[in-house]
Amino acid sequence: MIVVTGATGNVGRSLVRTLAAAGEKVRATSRGISAPDVPEGVDWRRADLADVESLRPAFDGARALFLQSGGASAHTLDPRGILDVAGVGGVERVVLLSSQGVATRPDSPSHGALLRSIEDAVRDSGLEWTILRPGGFASNTYAWAESIRTTRTVAAPFGDVGLPVVDPDDIAEVAAATLLDPAHAGHVHELTGPALITPREQADALAAALGEPVRFTEQTREQARAQLLNFMPAPVADTTLAILGAPTPAEARVSPAVERILGRVPRTYAEWAGRNAAAFR
């Protein structure tokens, strides 16, 4: 049995499908999960990563765990408590979804120090472990969905700064491979897409997927920061803007890990946009 936490998220949902299609026994968990969220035959349990005791039934009888690092709620987690409960339940291997920022922004309280503490808990757990460190997600542009649906416009900062954003489905396939193959134990994999792409180019890719023009307007840093502060703390917003506007060489590097692990090149942003165009119609 493989437990997938965050099973209704962009990576977790895809990972559940991938493992189920491979014939694996899967137990999907999240706070609000229900039967329509999972493929037929997949066990699902409501559990909250911030409530360690709620995880005991989900972990019981499992042999492997995909641990989502909590995203914006990472600061609420007790990772050592989670991993202790996982071990008691029978888990022998854990794959952690972390962030590239652990290495590239070590002084950031959100992208660096907090997630590193979760990585350290995984390393110290006594379980076999693999850590995945993706860069920016292609699915972050779901934030544009409403403006594209209503006015066919996108407003974003740093319109001509490129990053190698990664398709969440590629992260999920790598997660499946590392859950199933013990050769990945003890490894940290940095995951990116196949090429740099700018926000302006992402808007063009969405326009092509929709078959209609999408107008791009470049925000100032101050405008973008004010928008981000509506749903994230100031330190997280500032680090996010630093990555988007002045990526380090490591953040702008295309990693070979997806191709090495999956035996194919990573999917492009245009491919992601084509598969998910319905969200922007």
Protein backbone atom coordinates (compact mmCIF):
# COMPACT_ATOMS: atom_id res chain seq x y z
CA MET A 1 0.00 0.00 0.00
CA ILE A 2 1.25 3.46 -0.95
CA VAL A 3 -0.17 6.48 0.85
CA VAL A 4 -0.40 9.74 -1.08
CA THR A 5 -0.87 12.87 1.01
CA GLY A 6 -2.13 16.04 -0.65
CA ALA A 7 -4.04 13.74 -2.97
CA THR A 8 -6.36 16.45 -4.32
CA GLY A 9 -3.50 18.81 -5.27
CA ASN A 10 -1.84 19.32 -8.63
CA VAL A 11 0.84 16.69 -8.01
CA GLY A 12 -1.00 14.35 -5.64
CA ARG A 13 -4.05 13.91 -7.84
CA SER A 14 -1.87 12.98 -10.81
CA LEU A 15 0.29 10.67 -8.68
CA VAL A 16 -2.75 8.74 -7.45
CA ARG A 17 -3.86 8.19 -11.06
CA THR A 18 -0.36 7.16 -12.13
CA LEU A 19 0.08 4.62 -9.35
CA ALA A 20 -3.43 3.20 -9.76
CA ALA A 21 -2.88 2.80 -13.51
CA ALA A 22 0.31 0.86 -12.71
CA GLY A 23 -1.72 -1.58 -10.61
CA GLU A 24 -0.47 -0.37 -7.23
CA LYS A 25 -2.65 -0.33 -4.12
CA VAL A 26 -3.10 3.32 -3.24
CA ARG A 27 -4.61 5.15 -0.28
CA ALA A 28 -5.28 8.81 -1.07
CA THR A 29 -5.56 11.36 1.73
CA SER A 30 -6.34 15.05 2.13
CA ARG A 31 -8.54 17.15 4.39
CA GLY A 32 -11.52 17.34 2.05
CA ILE A 33 -11.11 14.30 -0.17
CA SER A 34 -14.18 12.32 -1.31
CA ALA A 35 -14.92 9.44 -3.64
CA PRO A 36 -15.18 11.52 -6.87
CA ASP A 37 -11.59 12.71 -6.31
CA VAL A 38 -10.01 9.30 -6.89
CA PRO A 39 -10.11 6.58 -9.55
CA GLU A 40 -12.32 3.56 -8.98
CA GLY A 41 -10.70 1.09 -6.59
CA VAL A 42 -8.52 3.63 -4.79
CA ASP A 43 -8.95 3.79 -1.03
CA TRP A 44 -9.39 7.31 0.33
CA ARG A 45 -9.27 8.71 3.83
CA ARG A 46 -9.77 12.23 5.13
CA ALA A 47 -6.76 13.29 7.16
CA ASP A 48 -4.99 16.52 7.97
CA LEU A 49 -1.20 16.75 7.87
CA ALA A 50 -1.43 19.36 10.62
CA ASP A 51 -3.20 16.80 12.86
CA VAL A 52 -0.82 13.90 13.37
CA GLU A 53 -3.38 11.68 15.09
CA SER A 54 -5.72 11.92 12.10
CA LEU A 55 -3.02 10.25 9.99
CA ARG A 56 -2.80 6.97 11.95
CA PRO A 57 -5.66 5.21 10.11
CA ALA A 58 -4.32 6.42 6.78
CA PHE A 59 -0.82 5.09 7.44
CA ASP A 60 -1.87 1.75 8.92
CA GLY A 61 -0.58 -1.12 6.78
CA ALA A 62 1.22 1.14 4.28
CA ARG A 63 4.74 0.43 3.04
CA ALA A 64 5.50 3.71 1.26
CA LEU A 65 4.49 7.34 1.67
CA PHE A 66 4.39 10.37 -0.60
CA LEU A 67 4.67 13.30 1.77
CA GLN A 68 3.54 16.67 0.53
CA SER A 69 5.45 19.36 2.41
CA GLY A 70 2.35 21.39 3.20
CA GLY A 71 2.75 24.31 0.81
CA ALA A 72 1.58 27.50 2.45
CA SER A 73 0.67 25.48 5.56
CA ALA A 74 4.12 23.95 6.02
CA HIS A 75 4.67 25.97 9.19
CA THR A 76 1.77 24.12 10.85
CA LEU A 77 3.29 20.67 10.41
CA ASP A 78 5.09 18.45 12.91
CA PRO A 79 7.17 16.48 10.38
CA ARG A 80 8.91 14.31 12.95
CA GLY A 81 5.57 13.40 14.47
CA ILE A 82 4.17 12.56 11.03
CA LEU A 83 7.13 10.33 10.23
CA ASP A 84 7.00 8.59 13.61
CA VAL A 85 3.34 7.73 13.01
CA ALA A 86 4.19 6.57 9.48
CA GLY A 87 6.86 4.23 10.79
CA VAL A 88 4.50 2.77 13.39
CA GLY A 89 1.97 2.16 10.62
CA GLY A 90 4.50 0.13 8.64
CA VAL A 91 5.90 2.70 6.21
CA GLU A 92 9.45 1.86 5.11
CA ARG A 93 10.01 4.44 2.36
CA VAL A 94 9.09 8.11 2.08
CA VAL A 95 9.28 10.43 -0.91
CA LEU A 96 9.11 14.09 0.10
CA LEU A 97 7.88 16.85 -2.19
CA SER A 98 10.10 19.74 -1.17
CA SER A 99 11.29 22.79 -3.16
CA GLN A 100 14.27 23.94 -5.17
CA GLY A 101 14.35 26.94 -2.85
CA VAL A 102 15.89 24.83 -0.07
CA ALA A 103 19.14 25.00 -2.05
CA THR A 104 18.73 28.25 -3.97
CA ARG A 105 17.18 30.45 -1.23
CA PRO A 106 18.59 28.98 2.00
CA ASP A 107 18.10 32.23 3.92
CA SER A 108 14.41 32.52 3.02
CA PRO A 109 12.25 31.66 6.05
CA SER A 110 9.64 30.02 3.82
CA HIS A 111 11.42 28.62 0.77
CA GLY A 112 14.64 27.70 2.56
CA ALA A 113 14.77 27.25 6.33
CA LEU A 114 11.26 25.87 6.86
CA LEU A 115 11.39 23.28 4.12
CA ARG A 116 14.94 22.32 5.04
CA SER A 117 13.67 21.48 8.54
CA ILE A 118 11.14 19.12 6.95
CA GLU A 119 13.86 17.59 4.76
CA ASP A 120 16.02 17.11 7.87
CA ALA A 121 13.17 15.30 9.61
CA VAL A 122 12.87 12.95 6.63
CA ARG A 123 16.60 12.24 6.61
CA ASP A 124 16.57 11.56 10.35
CA SER A 125 13.44 9.39 10.29
CA GLY A 126 15.17 6.04 9.90
CA LEU A 127 13.08 5.38 6.77
CA GLU A 128 14.41 5.04 3.24
CA TRP A 129 13.97 8.47 1.72
CA THR A 130 14.03 10.39 -1.54
CA ILE A 131 13.58 14.16 -1.80
CA LEU A 132 12.10 15.92 -4.83
CA ARG A 133 12.92 19.60 -5.30
CA PRO A 134 10.88 21.07 -8.14
CA GLY A 135 11.20 24.64 -9.34
CA GLY A 136 8.17 26.69 -10.37
CA PHE A 137 5.04 24.76 -11.40
CA ALA A 138 3.34 25.29 -14.75
CA SER A 139 0.08 25.12 -12.81
CA ASN A 140 0.93 28.35 -10.97
CA THR A 141 -0.62 30.08 -13.96
CA TYR A 142 -4.05 28.87 -12.85
CA ALA A 143 -3.87 32.20 -11.00
CA TRP A 144 -4.55 33.78 -14.40
CA ALA A 145 -7.62 31.68 -15.11
CA GLU A 146 -10.28 34.19 -14.09
CA SER A 147 -8.80 37.13 -15.99
CA ILE A 148 -8.31 35.01 -19.09
CA ARG A 149 -11.85 33.63 -18.91
CA THR A 150 -13.44 37.04 -18.41
CA THR A 151 -11.26 39.48 -20.37
CA ARG A 152 -8.66 37.38 -22.22
CA THR A 153 -5.91 39.26 -20.41
CA VAL A 154 -2.95 38.38 -18.21
CA ALA A 155 -1.20 40.75 -15.81
CA ALA A 156 2.12 39.60 -14.36
CA PRO A 157 5.51 41.07 -13.41
CA PHE A 158 8.86 40.45 -15.09
CA GLY A 159 7.30 39.62 -18.43
CA ASP A 160 10.56 38.72 -20.16
CA VAL A 161 12.34 36.81 -17.39
CA GLY A 162 12.36 33.08 -18.10
CA LEU A 163 12.30 30.10 -15.74
CA PRO A 164 12.19 26.36 -16.56
CA VAL A 165 8.75 25.70 -15.06
CA VAL A 166 7.84 22.05 -14.58
CA ASP A 167 4.63 20.20 -15.39
CA PRO A 168 3.06 18.76 -12.19
CA ASP A 169 2.32 15.55 -14.09
CA ASP A 170 6.06 15.10 -14.64
CA ILE A 171 6.64 15.58 -10.91
CA ALA A 172 3.98 12.94 -10.25
CA GLU A 173 5.59 10.45 -12.65
CA VAL A 174 8.98 10.99 -11.03
CA ALA A 175 7.37 10.53 -7.62
CA ALA A 176 5.84 7.24 -8.76
CA ALA A 177 9.18 6.03 -10.08
CA THR A 178 10.98 6.91 -6.85
CA LEU A 179 8.30 5.31 -4.70
CA LEU A 180 8.57 2.05 -6.63
CA ASP A 181 12.32 1.82 -7.22
CA PRO A 182 14.58 1.56 -4.15
CA ALA A 183 17.54 2.67 -6.26
CA HIS A 184 16.42 6.25 -5.60
CA ALA A 185 16.85 5.91 -1.82
CA GLY A 186 19.10 8.60 -0.39
CA HIS A 187 18.89 10.83 -3.47
CA VAL A 188 17.72 14.41 -3.94
CA HIS A 189 16.27 15.13 -7.38
CA GLU A 190 15.85 18.68 -8.69
CA LEU A 191 12.99 18.83 -11.19
CA THR A 192 12.43 21.40 -13.93
CA GLY A 193 10.86 21.69 -17.33
CA PRO A 194 12.84 21.40 -20.58
CA ALA A 195 13.47 25.09 -21.30
CA LEU A 196 13.16 28.63 -19.98
CA ILE A 197 9.82 30.29 -20.62
CA THR A 198 8.79 33.83 -19.76
CA PRO A 199 5.37 34.96 -18.48
CA ARG A 200 4.75 36.67 -21.81
CA GLU A 201 5.51 33.40 -23.63
CA GLN A 202 3.24 31.50 -21.23
CA ALA A 203 0.38 33.87 -22.10
CA ASP A 204 1.10 33.24 -25.80
CA ALA A 205 1.02 29.47 -25.21
CA LEU A 206 -2.35 29.77 -23.47
CA ALA A 207 -3.64 31.87 -26.37
CA ALA A 208 -2.55 29.16 -28.79
CA ALA A 209 -4.25 26.49 -26.68
CA LEU A 210 -7.47 28.53 -26.60
CA GLY A 211 -7.32 29.55 -30.22
CA GLU A 212 -7.90 33.19 -29.20
CA PRO A 213 -5.63 36.15 -28.44
CA VAL A 214 -4.62 36.77 -24.83
CA ARG A 215 -3.25 40.25 -24.08
CA PHE A 216 -0.28 40.45 -21.71
CA THR A 217 0.18 43.46 -19.42
CA GLU A 218 3.36 43.75 -17.37
CA GLN A 219 2.85 44.67 -13.73
CA THR A 220 5.31 46.63 -11.68
CA ARG A 221 6.94 44.81 -8.77
CA GLU A 222 4.85 46.88 -6.38
CA GLN A 223 1.59 45.96 -8.14
CA ALA A 224 2.50 42.29 -8.10
CA ARG A 225 3.52 42.40 -4.44
CA ALA A 226 0.22 44.01 -3.44
CA GLN A 227 -1.63 41.22 -5.25
CA LEU A 228 0.45 38.45 -3.65
CA LEU A 229 -0.10 39.88 -0.18
CA ASN A 230 -3.78 39.03 -0.54
CA PHE A 231 -2.98 35.35 -0.02
CA MET A 232 0.59 34.97 1.28
CA PRO A 233 2.74 36.51 4.05
CA ALA A 234 5.14 39.31 3.11
CA PRO A 235 8.35 37.20 3.41
CA VAL A 236 6.91 34.57 1.06
CA ALA A 237 5.77 37.24 -1.41
CA ASP A 238 9.18 38.90 -1.39
CA THR A 239 11.04 35.63 -1.99
CA THR A 240 8.62 34.70 -4.76
CA LEU A 241 9.19 38.03 -6.49
CA ALA A 242 12.95 37.68 -6.10
CA ILE A 243 12.84 34.30 -7.87
CA LEU A 244 10.55 35.58 -10.63
CA GLY A 245 12.46 38.79 -11.22
CA ALA A 246 16.08 37.87 -10.55
CA PRO A 247 16.50 34.10 -10.61
CA THR A 248 19.86 32.73 -9.57
CA PRO A 249 21.84 30.70 -12.12
CA ALA A 250 20.67 27.54 -10.32
CA GLU A 251 17.02 28.60 -10.61
CA ALA A 252 17.45 29.26 -14.34
CA ARG A 253 19.20 25.93 -14.95
CA VAL A 254 17.43 23.13 -16.78
CA SER A 255 17.84 19.98 -14.70
CA PRO A 256 18.42 16.62 -16.44
CA ALA A 257 16.67 14.66 -13.67
CA VAL A 258 13.21 14.23 -15.26
CA GLU A 259 14.70 12.87 -18.48
CA ARG A 260 17.17 10.66 -16.60
CA ILE A 261 14.47 9.14 -14.39
CA LEU A 262 11.61 8.86 -16.89
CA GLY A 263 13.63 8.20 -20.06
CA ARG A 264 11.97 11.06 -21.95
CA VAL A 265 12.25 14.83 -22.10
CA PRO A 266 10.05 16.82 -19.71
CA ARG A 267 6.76 18.14 -21.04
CA THR A 268 6.75 21.74 -22.25
CA TYR A 269 4.58 24.51 -20.87
CA ALA A 270 2.69 24.52 -24.18
CA GLU A 271 1.81 20.86 -23.66
CA TRP A 272 0.55 21.64 -20.16
CA ALA A 273 -1.51 24.54 -21.52
CA GLY A 274 -3.04 22.34 -24.20
CA ARG A 275 -4.11 19.70 -21.68
CA ASN A 276 -5.55 22.26 -19.28
CA ALA A 277 -7.06 24.82 -21.64
CA ALA A 278 -10.56 24.12 -20.31
CA ALA A 279 -9.66 25.89 -17.05
CA PHE A 280 -9.11 29.12 -19.00
CA ARG A 281 -12.11 29.04 -21.37
